[in-house]
Amino acid sequence: MANSIWTTEQFTCPGCGMNYTATKEELQNKRSGAFACIVCDAEVHKWSGRVDFFDWTAKRMASPVFGRKR
């Protein structure tokens, strides 16, 4: 679609806390979908209406380092 608007959205899995980004596209037609976490299979986001989400990417989280000052 030539006139579509794309934005990047951030999501966090409610099950394990994994962070994701996805591209949101506004559409002329209605669409629905859902995305599940690749780690724990919990539903991260569900949508319907004139939007679609694609290009889901897991964002690496920094591991906490205990006993070390920043």
PDB file of N, CA and C in Angstrom:
ATOM      1  N   MET A   1       0.843  -1.159   0.000  1.00  0.00           N
ATOM      2  CA  MET A   1       0.000   0.000   0.000  1.00  0.00           C
ATOM      3  C   MET A   1       0.898   1.234   0.000  1.00  0.00           C
ATOM      4  N   ALA A   2       0.724   2.117  -0.911  1.00  0.00           N
ATOM      5  CA  ALA A   2       1.596   3.273  -1.065  1.00  0.00           C
ATOM      6  C   ALA A   2       1.381   4.323   0.010  1.00  0.00           C
ATOM      7  N   ASN A   3       0.182   4.444   0.551  1.00  0.00           N
ATOM      8  CA  ASN A   3      -0.111   5.492   1.521  1.00  0.00           C
ATOM      9  C   ASN A   3      -0.128   5.000   2.960  1.00  0.00           C
ATOM     10  N   SER A   4       0.390   3.818   3.234  1.00  0.00           N
ATOM     11  CA  SER A   4       0.334   3.289   4.589  1.00  0.00           C
ATOM     12  C   SER A   4       1.342   3.987   5.494  1.00  0.00           C
ATOM     13  N   ILE A   5       1.027   3.992   6.784  1.00  0.00           N
ATOM     14  CA  ILE A   5       1.899   4.584   7.786  1.00  0.00           C
ATOM     15  C   ILE A   5       2.434   3.454   8.655  1.00  0.00           C
ATOM     16  N   TRP A   6       3.753   3.375   8.782  1.00  0.00           N
ATOM     17  CA  TRP A   6       4.385   2.350   9.601  1.00  0.00           C
ATOM     18  C   TRP A   6       4.997   3.004  10.824  1.00  0.00           C
ATOM     19  N   THR A   7       4.814   2.384  11.974  1.00  0.00           N
ATOM     20  CA  THR A   7       5.470   2.814  13.198  1.00  0.00           C
ATOM     21  C   THR A   7       6.038   1.588  13.899  1.00  0.00           C
ATOM     22  N   THR A   8       7.029   1.785  14.740  1.00  0.00           N
ATOM     23  CA  THR A   8       7.605   0.698  15.525  1.00  0.00           C
ATOM     24  C   THR A   8       7.021   0.747  16.924  1.00  0.00           C
ATOM     25  N   GLU A   9       6.494  -0.382  17.372  1.00  0.00           N
ATOM     26  CA  GLU A   9       5.874  -0.491  18.694  1.00  0.00           C
ATOM     27  C   GLU A   9       6.691  -1.449  19.546  1.00  0.00           C
ATOM     28  N   GLN A  10       6.672  -1.252  20.861  1.00  0.00           N
ATOM     29  CA  GLN A  10       7.381  -2.122  21.784  1.00  0.00           C
ATOM     30  C   GLN A  10       6.383  -2.867  22.650  1.00  0.00           C
ATOM     31  N   PHE A  11       6.681  -4.143  22.922  1.00  0.00           N
ATOM     32  CA  PHE A  11       5.823  -4.997  23.725  1.00  0.00           C
ATOM     33  C   PHE A  11       6.677  -5.799  24.699  1.00  0.00           C
ATOM     34  N   THR A  12       6.084  -6.180  25.818  1.00  0.00           N
ATOM     35  CA  THR A  12       6.747  -7.030  26.797  1.00  0.00           C
ATOM     36  C   THR A  12       5.847  -8.223  27.071  1.00  0.00           C
ATOM     37  N   CYS A  13       6.422  -9.407  27.053  1.00  0.00           N
ATOM     38  CA  CYS A  13       5.659 -10.624  27.318  1.00  0.00           C
ATOM     39  C   CYS A  13       5.180 -10.610  28.772  1.00  0.00           C
ATOM     40  N   PRO A  14       3.880 -10.846  28.998  1.00  0.00           N
ATOM     41  CA  PRO A  14       3.378 -10.869  30.370  1.00  0.00           C
ATOM     42  C   PRO A  14       3.806 -12.122  31.131  1.00  0.00           C
ATOM     43  N   GLY A  15       4.253 -13.148  30.402  1.00  0.00           N
ATOM     44  CA  GLY A  15       4.643 -14.392  31.053  1.00  0.00           C
ATOM     45  C   GLY A  15       6.079 -14.409  31.554  1.00  0.00           C
ATOM     46  N   CYS A  16       7.010 -14.018  30.694  1.00  0.00           N
ATOM     47  CA  CYS A  16       8.430 -14.131  31.052  1.00  0.00           C
ATOM     48  C   CYS A  16       9.194 -12.806  31.003  1.00  0.00           C
ATOM     49  N   GLY A  17       8.555 -11.758  30.499  1.00  0.00           N
ATOM     50  CA  GLY A  17       9.213 -10.453  30.480  1.00  0.00           C
ATOM     51  C   GLY A  17      10.087 -10.188  29.264  1.00  0.00           C
ATOM     52  N   MET A  18      10.080 -11.080  28.278  1.00  0.00           N
ATOM     53  CA  MET A  18      10.879 -10.873  27.064  1.00  0.00           C
ATOM     54  C   MET A  18      10.358  -9.646  26.326  1.00  0.00           C
ATOM     55  N   ASN A  19      11.268  -8.826  25.830  1.00  0.00           N
ATOM     56  CA  ASN A  19      10.896  -7.611  25.106  1.00  0.00           C
ATOM     57  C   ASN A  19      10.887  -7.862  23.601  1.00  0.00           C
ATOM     58  N   TYR A  20       9.919  -7.260  22.929  1.00  0.00           N
ATOM     59  CA  TYR A  20       9.767  -7.392  21.482  1.00  0.00           C
ATOM     60  C   TYR A  20       9.501  -6.030  20.859  1.00  0.00           C
ATOM     61  N   THR A  21       9.862  -5.900  19.589  1.00  0.00           N
ATOM     62  CA  THR A  21       9.407  -4.773  18.787  1.00  0.00           C
ATOM     63  C   THR A  21       8.693  -5.355  17.575  1.00  0.00           C
ATOM     64  N   ALA A  22       7.747  -4.589  17.052  1.00  0.00           N
ATOM     65  CA  ALA A  22       7.014  -4.985  15.857  1.00  0.00           C
ATOM     66  C   ALA A  22       6.679  -3.730  15.072  1.00  0.00           C
ATOM     67  N   THR A  23       6.530  -3.898  13.777  1.00  0.00           N
ATOM     68  CA  THR A  23       6.132  -2.791  12.927  1.00  0.00           C
ATOM     69  C   THR A  23       4.617  -2.804  12.793  1.00  0.00           C
ATOM     70  N   LYS A  24       4.009  -1.660  13.060  1.00  0.00           N
ATOM     71  CA  LYS A  24       2.556  -1.507  12.968  1.00  0.00           C
ATOM     72  C   LYS A  24       2.235  -0.770  11.671  1.00  0.00           C
ATOM     73  N   GLU A  25       1.300  -1.319  10.928  1.00  0.00           N
ATOM     74  CA  GLU A  25       0.895  -0.715   9.660  1.00  0.00           C
ATOM     75  C   GLU A  25      -0.599  -0.414   9.701  1.00  0.00           C
ATOM     76  N   GLU A  26      -0.970   0.806   9.329  1.00  0.00           N
ATOM     77  CA  GLU A  26      -2.379   1.166   9.219  1.00  0.00           C
ATOM     78  C   GLU A  26      -2.883   0.733   7.851  1.00  0.00           C
ATOM     79  N   LEU A  27      -4.052   0.094   7.836  1.00  0.00           N
ATOM     80  CA  LEU A  27      -4.601  -0.486   6.610  1.00  0.00           C
ATOM     81  C   LEU A  27      -5.968   0.106   6.280  1.00  0.00           C
ATOM     82  N   GLN A  28      -6.410  -0.111   5.049  1.00  0.00           N
ATOM     83  CA  GLN A  28      -7.757   0.292   4.652  1.00  0.00           C
ATOM     84  C   GLN A  28      -8.773  -0.788   5.004  1.00  0.00           C
ATOM     85  N   ASN A  29      -8.331  -2.036   5.029  1.00  0.00           N
ATOM     86  CA  ASN A  29      -9.221  -3.156   5.322  1.00  0.00           C
ATOM     87  C   ASN A  29      -8.973  -3.673   6.733  1.00  0.00           C
ATOM     88  N   LYS A  30      -9.989  -4.278   7.313  1.00  0.00           N
ATOM     89  CA  LYS A  30      -9.861  -4.842   8.653  1.00  0.00           C
ATOM     90  C   LYS A  30      -9.049  -6.132   8.613  1.00  0.00           C
ATOM     91  N   ARG A  31      -8.312  -6.339   9.685  1.00  0.00           N
ATOM     92  CA  ARG A  31      -7.477  -7.536   9.811  1.00  0.00           C
ATOM     93  C   ARG A  31      -7.333  -7.857  11.292  1.00  0.00           C
ATOM     94  N   SER A  32      -7.066  -9.100  11.607  1.00  0.00           N
ATOM     95  CA  SER A  32      -6.832  -9.474  12.999  1.00  0.00           C
ATOM     96  C   SER A  32      -5.662 -10.442  13.056  1.00  0.00           C
ATOM     97  N   GLY A  33      -5.087 -10.549  14.241  1.00  0.00           N
ATOM     98  CA  GLY A  33      -3.963 -11.452  14.418  1.00  0.00           C
ATOM     99  C   GLY A  33      -3.517 -11.467  15.864  1.00  0.00           C
ATOM    100  N   ALA A  34      -2.530 -12.295  16.137  1.00  0.00           N
ATOM    101  CA  ALA A  34      -1.983 -12.405  17.488  1.00  0.00           C
ATOM    102  C   ALA A  34      -0.527 -12.832  17.382  1.00  0.00           C
ATOM    103  N   PHE A  35       0.239 -12.497  18.411  1.00  0.00           N
ATOM    104  CA  PHE A  35       1.640 -12.908  18.468  1.00  0.00           C
ATOM    105  C   PHE A  35       1.902 -13.543  19.821  1.00  0.00           C
ATOM    106  N   ALA A  36       2.548 -14.712  19.808  1.00  0.00           N
ATOM    107  CA  ALA A  36       2.883 -15.430  21.037  1.00  0.00           C
ATOM    108  C   ALA A  36       4.390 -15.388  21.268  1.00  0.00           C
ATOM    109  N   CYS A  37       4.778 -15.355  22.524  1.00  0.00           N
ATOM    110  CA  CYS A  37       6.184 -15.298  22.928  1.00  0.00           C
ATOM    111  C   CYS A  37       6.926 -16.546  22.443  1.00  0.00           C
ATOM    112  N   ILE A  38       8.135 -16.349  21.946  1.00  0.00           N
ATOM    113  CA  ILE A  38       8.933 -17.484  21.468  1.00  0.00           C
ATOM    114  C   ILE A  38       9.581 -18.238  22.629  1.00  0.00           C
ATOM    115  N   VAL A  39       9.581 -17.654  23.823  1.00  0.00           N
ATOM    116  CA  VAL A  39      10.196 -18.301  24.982  1.00  0.00           C
ATOM    117  C   VAL A  39       9.168 -19.126  25.753  1.00  0.00           C
ATOM    118  N   CYS A  40       8.038 -18.502  26.132  1.00  0.00           N
ATOM    119  CA  CYS A  40       7.080 -19.189  27.001  1.00  0.00           C
ATOM    120  C   CYS A  40       5.716 -19.415  26.359  1.00  0.00           C
ATOM    121  N   ASP A  41       5.522 -18.977  25.128  1.00  0.00           N
ATOM    122  CA  ASP A  41       4.292 -19.179  24.357  1.00  0.00           C
ATOM    123  C   ASP A  41       3.085 -18.400  24.897  1.00  0.00           C
ATOM    124  N   ALA A  42       3.309 -17.430  25.773  1.00  0.00           N
ATOM    125  CA  ALA A  42       2.216 -16.584  26.251  1.00  0.00           C
ATOM    126  C   ALA A  42       1.835 -15.584  25.157  1.00  0.00           C
ATOM    127  N   GLU A  43       0.580 -15.164  25.148  1.00  0.00           N
ATOM    128  CA  GLU A  43       0.139 -14.171  24.170  1.00  0.00           C
ATOM    129  C   GLU A  43       0.722 -12.806  24.533  1.00  0.00           C
ATOM    130  N   VAL A  44       1.495 -12.239  23.616  1.00  0.00           N
ATOM    131  CA  VAL A  44       2.128 -10.942  23.833  1.00  0.00           C
ATOM    132  C   VAL A  44       1.197  -9.822  23.375  1.00  0.00           C
ATOM    133  N   HIS A  45       0.564 -10.005  22.225  1.00  0.00           N
ATOM    134  CA  HIS A  45      -0.330  -8.971  21.703  1.00  0.00           C
ATOM    135  C   HIS A  45      -1.344  -9.588  20.754  1.00  0.00           C
ATOM    136  N   LYS A  46      -2.570  -9.086  20.820  1.00  0.00           N
ATOM    137  CA  LYS A  46      -3.651  -9.522  19.947  1.00  0.00           C
ATOM    138  C   LYS A  46      -4.293  -8.264  19.378  1.00  0.00           C
ATOM    139  N   TRP A  47      -4.606  -8.256  18.083  1.00  0.00           N
ATOM    140  CA  TRP A  47      -5.150  -7.050  17.463  1.00  0.00           C
ATOM    141  C   TRP A  47      -6.236  -7.383  16.456  1.00  0.00           C
ATOM    142  N   SER A  48      -7.081  -6.378  16.207  1.00  0.00           N
ATOM    143  CA  SER A  48      -8.090  -6.464  15.157  1.00  0.00           C
ATOM    144  C   SER A  48      -8.449  -5.035  14.756  1.00  0.00           C
ATOM    145  N   GLY A  49      -8.938  -4.883  13.572  1.00  0.00           N
ATOM    146  CA  GLY A  49      -9.284  -3.554  13.070  1.00  0.00           C
ATOM    147  C   GLY A  49      -8.481  -3.214  11.838  1.00  0.00           C
ATOM    148  N   ARG A  50      -8.206  -1.977  11.662  1.00  0.00           N
ATOM    149  CA  ARG A  50      -7.520  -1.499  10.456  1.00  0.00           C
ATOM    150  C   ARG A  50      -6.011  -1.364  10.658  1.00  0.00           C
ATOM    151  N   VAL A  51      -5.440  -2.300  11.421  1.00  0.00           N
ATOM    152  CA  VAL A  51      -3.992  -2.321  11.636  1.00  0.00           C
ATOM    153  C   VAL A  51      -3.481  -3.747  11.487  1.00  0.00           C
ATOM    154  N   ASP A  52      -2.192  -3.860  11.242  1.00  0.00           N
ATOM    155  CA  ASP A  52      -1.528  -5.152  11.232  1.00  0.00           C
ATOM    156  C   ASP A  52      -0.151  -4.961  11.849  1.00  0.00           C
ATOM    157  N   PHE A  53       0.370  -5.989  12.487  1.00  0.00           N
ATOM    158  CA  PHE A  53       1.703  -5.970  13.069  1.00  0.00           C
ATOM    159  C   PHE A  53       2.545  -7.037  12.386  1.00  0.00           C
ATOM    160  N   PHE A  54       3.768  -6.681  12.027  1.00  0.00           N
ATOM    161  CA  PHE A  54       4.669  -7.631  11.370  1.00  0.00           C
ATOM    162  C   PHE A  54       6.100  -7.334  11.782  1.00  0.00           C
ATOM    163  N   ASP A  55       7.031  -8.151  11.340  1.00  0.00           N
ATOM    164  CA  ASP A  55       8.460  -8.002  11.629  1.00  0.00           C
ATOM    165  C   ASP A  55       8.724  -8.042  13.141  1.00  0.00           C
ATOM    166  N   TRP A  56       8.116  -9.030  13.815  1.00  0.00           N
ATOM    167  CA  TRP A  56       8.320  -9.187  15.254  1.00  0.00           C
ATOM    168  C   TRP A  56       9.763  -9.566  15.518  1.00  0.00           C
ATOM    169  N   THR A  57      10.413  -8.844  16.430  1.00  0.00           N
ATOM    170  CA  THR A  57      11.819  -9.084  16.746  1.00  0.00           C
ATOM    171  C   THR A  57      11.993  -9.110  18.257  1.00  0.00           C
ATOM    172  N   ALA A  58      12.636 -10.155  18.745  1.00  0.00           N
ATOM    173  CA  ALA A  58      12.952 -10.233  20.176  1.00  0.00           C
ATOM    174  C   ALA A  58      14.167  -9.350  20.440  1.00  0.00           C
ATOM    175  N   LYS A  59      14.073  -8.570  21.496  1.00  0.00           N
ATOM    176  CA  LYS A  59      15.167  -7.688  21.873  1.00  0.00           C
ATOM    177  C   LYS A  59      15.940  -8.332  23.012  1.00  0.00           C
ATOM    178  N   ARG A  60      17.228  -8.488  22.810  1.00  0.00           N
ATOM    179  CA  ARG A  60      18.071  -9.110  23.827  1.00  0.00           C
ATOM    180  C   ARG A  60      18.078  -8.232  25.072  1.00  0.00           C
ATOM    181  N   MET A  61      17.824  -8.873  26.184  1.00  0.00           N
ATOM    182  CA  MET A  61      17.823  -8.159  27.448  1.00  0.00           C
ATOM    183  C   MET A  61      19.178  -8.357  28.121  1.00  0.00           C
ATOM    184  N   ALA A  62      19.682  -7.324  28.737  1.00  0.00           N
ATOM    185  CA  ALA A  62      20.944  -7.431  29.451  1.00  0.00           C
ATOM    186  C   ALA A  62      20.729  -8.278  30.718  1.00  0.00           C
ATOM    187  N   SER A  63      21.616  -9.202  30.949  1.00  0.00           N
ATOM    188  CA  SER A  63      21.531 -10.015  32.148  1.00  0.00           C
ATOM    189  C   SER A  63      21.978  -9.206  33.353  1.00  0.00           C
ATOM    190  N   PRO A  64      21.285  -9.329  34.451  1.00  0.00           N
ATOM    191  CA  PRO A  64      21.719  -8.581  35.633  1.00  0.00           C
ATOM    192  C   PRO A  64      23.029  -9.155  36.163  1.00  0.00           C
ATOM    193  N   VAL A  65      23.891  -8.276  36.628  1.00  0.00           N
ATOM    194  CA  VAL A  65      25.166  -8.693  37.211  1.00  0.00           C
ATOM    195  C   VAL A  65      25.090  -8.384  38.692  1.00  0.00           C
ATOM    196  N   PHE A  66      25.141  -9.429  39.506  1.00  0.00           N
ATOM    197  CA  PHE A  66      25.005  -9.255  40.935  1.00  0.00           C
ATOM    198  C   PHE A  66      26.385  -9.076  41.586  1.00  0.00           C
ATOM    199  N   GLY A  67      26.426  -8.239  42.614  1.00  0.00           N
ATOM    200  CA  GLY A  67      27.655  -8.040  43.370  1.00  0.00           C
ATOM    201  C   GLY A  67      28.627  -7.078  42.718  1.00  0.00           C
ATOM    202  N   ARG A  68      28.208  -6.389  41.680  1.00  0.00           N
ATOM    203  CA  ARG A  68      29.071  -5.439  40.985  1.00  0.00           C
ATOM    204  C   ARG A  68      28.420  -4.079  40.963  1.00  0.00           C
ATOM    205  N   LYS A  69      29.195  -3.051  41.287  1.00  0.00           N
ATOM    206  CA  LYS A  69      28.661  -1.698  41.211  1.00  0.00           C
ATOM    207  C   LYS A  69      28.803  -1.202  39.794  1.00  0.00           C
ATOM    208  N   ARG A  70      27.905  -0.343  39.414  1.00  0.00           N
ATOM    209  CA  ARG A  70      27.969   0.228  38.072  1.00  0.00           C
ATOM    210  C   ARG A  70      28.999   1.304  37.982  1.00  0.00           C
TER     211      ARG A  70
END
